[in-house]
C-alpha atoms as a PDB file:
ATOM      1  CA  MET A   1     125.853  91.717 111.272  1.00  0.00           C
ATOM      2  CA  LYS A   2     128.579  90.595 108.902  1.00  0.00           C
ATOM      3  CA  LYS A   3     128.361  91.031 105.147  1.00  0.00           C
ATOM      4  CA  LEU A   4     130.050  88.488 102.915  1.00  0.00           C
ATOM      5  CA  LEU A   5     131.629  89.938  99.783  1.00  0.00           C
ATOM      6  CA  PHE A   6     132.620  87.744  96.857  1.00  0.00           C
ATOM      7  CA  GLY A   7     134.408  89.086  93.785  1.00  0.00           C
ATOM      8  CA  MET A   8     132.773  88.424  90.433  1.00  0.00           C
ATOM      9  CA  GLY A   9     135.012  90.011  87.825  1.00  0.00           C
ATOM     10  CA  SER A  10     134.285  93.720  87.864  1.00  0.00           C
ATOM     11  CA  ALA A  11     131.050  93.280  89.825  1.00  0.00           C
ATOM     12  CA  ALA A  12     130.726  92.279  93.442  1.00  0.00           C
ATOM     13  CA  LEU A  13     127.999  90.140  94.934  1.00  0.00           C
ATOM     14  CA  LEU A  14     126.895  90.916  98.442  1.00  0.00           C
ATOM     15  CA  LEU A  15     125.320  87.880 100.038  1.00  0.00           C
ATOM     16  CA  THR A  16     122.954  87.809 102.935  1.00  0.00           C
ATOM     17  CA  ALA A  17     123.307  85.543 105.913  1.00  0.00           C
ATOM     18  CA  LEU A  18     120.609  85.138 108.534  1.00  0.00           C
ATOM     19  CA  THR A  19     121.889  84.527 112.030  1.00  0.00           C
ATOM     20  CA  TYR A  20     119.757  82.801 114.659  1.00  0.00           C
ATOM     21  CA  THR A  21     120.733  83.277 118.296  1.00  0.00           C
ATOM     22  CA  PHE A  22     118.828  81.763 121.214  1.00  0.00           C
ATOM     23  CA  HIS A  23     118.922  83.464 124.639  1.00  0.00           C
ATOM     24  CA  SER A  24     118.401  80.312 126.634  1.00  0.00           C
ATOM     25  CA  LYS A  25     116.732  76.931 126.430  1.00  0.00           C
ATOM     26  CA  ALA A  26     113.607  78.482 128.001  1.00  0.00           C
ATOM     27  CA  SER A  27     113.295  81.024 125.173  1.00  0.00           C
ATOM     28  CA  ALA A  28     111.307  79.770 122.188  1.00  0.00           C
ATOM     29  CA  GLU A  29     111.748  83.004 120.184  1.00  0.00           C
ATOM     30  CA  PRO A  30     114.976  83.232 118.152  1.00  0.00           C
ATOM     31  CA  LYS A  31     116.580  86.582 117.408  1.00  0.00           C
ATOM     32  CA  VAL A  32     116.956  86.993 113.658  1.00  0.00           C
ATOM     33  CA  ALA A  33     119.510  89.441 112.312  1.00  0.00           C
ATOM     34  CA  ALA A  34     118.191  91.681 109.555  1.00  0.00           C
ATOM     35  CA  PRO A  35     119.281  90.531 106.092  1.00  0.00           C
ATOM     36  CA  ALA A  36     122.010  92.533 104.368  1.00  0.00           C
ATOM     37  CA  GLN A  37     121.152  94.567 101.310  1.00  0.00           C
ATOM     38  CA  VAL A  38     122.019  93.137  97.899  1.00  0.00           C
ATOM     39  CA  SER A  39     124.323  95.158  95.694  1.00  0.00           C
ATOM     40  CA  ALA A  40     124.586  92.645  92.855  1.00  0.00           C
ATOM     41  CA  PRO A  41     123.248  93.550  89.415  1.00  0.00           C
ATOM     42  CA  CYS A  42     119.460  93.521  89.428  1.00  0.00           C
ATOM     43  CA  THR A  43     118.536  92.638  85.852  1.00  0.00           C
ATOM     44  CA  GLY A  44     115.599  91.219  83.929  1.00  0.00           C
ATOM     45  CA  GLU A  45     112.175  92.618  83.191  1.00  0.00           C
ATOM     46  CA  ALA A  46     110.686  91.298  86.447  1.00  0.00           C
ATOM     47  CA  TYR A  47     113.378  92.745  88.745  1.00  0.00           C
ATOM     48  CA  LYS A  48     113.872  96.189  90.240  1.00  0.00           C
ATOM     49  CA  LEU A  49     116.225  97.621  92.860  1.00  0.00           C
ATOM     50  CA  ILE A  50     114.091  99.106  95.657  1.00  0.00           C
ATOM     51  CA  ASN A  51     115.830 100.648  98.680  1.00  0.00           C
ATOM     52  CA  GLY A  52     118.981  98.686  97.896  1.00  0.00           C
ATOM     53  CA  VAL A  53     117.159  95.346  97.653  1.00  0.00           C
ATOM     54  CA  CYS A  54     116.561  93.513  94.375  1.00  0.00           C
ATOM     55  CA  GLN A  55     112.880  92.578  94.237  1.00  0.00           C
ATOM     56  CA  GLU A  56     110.942  90.440  91.794  1.00  0.00           C
ATOM     57  CA  GLY A  57     107.704  92.096  90.757  1.00  0.00           C
ATOM     58  CA  VAL A  58     104.303  90.449  90.575  1.00  0.00           C
ATOM     59  CA  LYS A  59     103.195  89.730  87.002  1.00  0.00           C
ATOM     60  CA  VAL A  60      99.775  91.255  86.278  1.00  0.00           C
ATOM     61  CA  TRP A  61      98.025  89.991  83.126  1.00  0.00           C
ATOM     62  CA  THR A  62      95.979  92.753  81.515  1.00  0.00           C
ATOM     63  CA  ARG A  63      94.574  91.801  78.125  1.00  0.00           C
ATOM     64  CA  SER A  64      94.887  89.617  75.055  1.00  0.00           C
ATOM     65  CA  GLU A  65      94.640  90.088  71.310  1.00  0.00           C
ATOM     66  CA  PHE A  66      94.194  87.441  68.648  1.00  0.00           C
ATOM     67  CA  ASP A  67      96.182  87.880  65.443  1.00  0.00           C
ATOM     68  CA  ASN A  68      93.952  86.625  62.611  1.00  0.00           C
ATOM     69  CA  VAL A  69      96.846  86.509  60.135  1.00  0.00           C
ATOM     70  CA  GLN A  70      99.437  84.699  62.277  1.00  0.00           C
ATOM     71  CA  HIS A  71      96.804  82.754  64.285  1.00  0.00           C
ATOM     72  CA  TYR A  72      98.225  83.393  67.731  1.00  0.00           C
ATOM     73  CA  TYR A  73      97.368  85.391  70.844  1.00  0.00           C
ATOM     74  CA  ARG A  74      99.375  88.274  72.249  1.00  0.00           C
ATOM     75  CA  CYS A  75      99.111  88.087  76.030  1.00  0.00           C
ATOM     76  CA  TYR A  76      99.852  91.476  77.662  1.00  0.00           C
ATOM     77  CA  TYR A  77     101.186  91.984  81.187  1.00  0.00           C
ATOM     78  CA  TYR A  78     103.207  94.314  83.402  1.00  0.00           C
ATOM     79  CA  TYR A  79     105.024  93.989  86.732  1.00  0.00           C
ATOM     80  CA  LYS A  80     104.106  95.656  90.009  1.00  0.00           C
ATOM     81  CA  TRP A  81     106.534  96.077  92.924  1.00  0.00           C
ATOM     82  CA  SER A  82     106.169  96.596  96.662  1.00  0.00           C
ATOM     83  CA  ASP A  83     106.710 100.362  96.379  1.00  0.00           C
ATOM     84  CA  GLY A  84     103.623 100.638  94.119  1.00  0.00           C
ATOM     85  CA  SER A  85     105.576 101.240  90.912  1.00  0.00           C
ATOM     86  CA  THR A  86     104.821  99.385  87.685  1.00  0.00           C
ATOM     87  CA  SER A  87     106.815  98.394  84.616  1.00  0.00           C
ATOM     88  CA  GLN A  88     106.108  99.097  80.999  1.00  0.00           C
ATOM     89  CA  GLU A  89     103.668  96.743  79.282  1.00  0.00           C
ATOM     90  CA  TYR A  90     105.078  93.529  77.806  1.00  0.00           C
ATOM     91  CA  TYR A  91     103.508  90.713  75.830  1.00  0.00           C
ATOM     92  CA  ASN A  92     104.243  87.150  74.908  1.00  0.00           C
ATOM     93  CA  ILE A  93     102.883  85.026  72.092  1.00  0.00           C
ATOM     94  CA  ASN A  94     100.772  81.989  72.818  1.00  0.00           C
ATOM     95  CA  TYR A  95      98.902  79.755  70.397  1.00  0.00           C
ATOM     96  CA  ALA A  96      96.548  78.312  73.039  1.00  0.00           C
ATOM     97  CA  GLY A  97      95.215  81.574  74.536  1.00  0.00           C
ATOM     98  CA  CYS A  98      95.976  83.854  77.468  1.00  0.00           C
ATOM     99  CA  ILE A  99      95.539  83.719  81.237  1.00  0.00           C
ATOM    100  CA  ILE A 100      93.632  86.808  82.264  1.00  0.00           C
END
């Protein structure tokens, strides 16, 4: 498998290419090369580097609070990733209510 490397200033972005190869016309099953690992920066609250692969976590809504002074809801959530780990708790402000 070939890895494509593109310079991005001081950081480098490693892109993944999937390669499909057919054995013969009689074969309906393509061979798929395993994707390359990503070594680009993995940033943002929803993203985490797991085994060299940047993954987006699943947002899990947990609770809500209504602020009687400001008249808005705080909607609390965290992220969960494929390795079972979770993020810290976050919240956003919503005037219409929360999805829980």
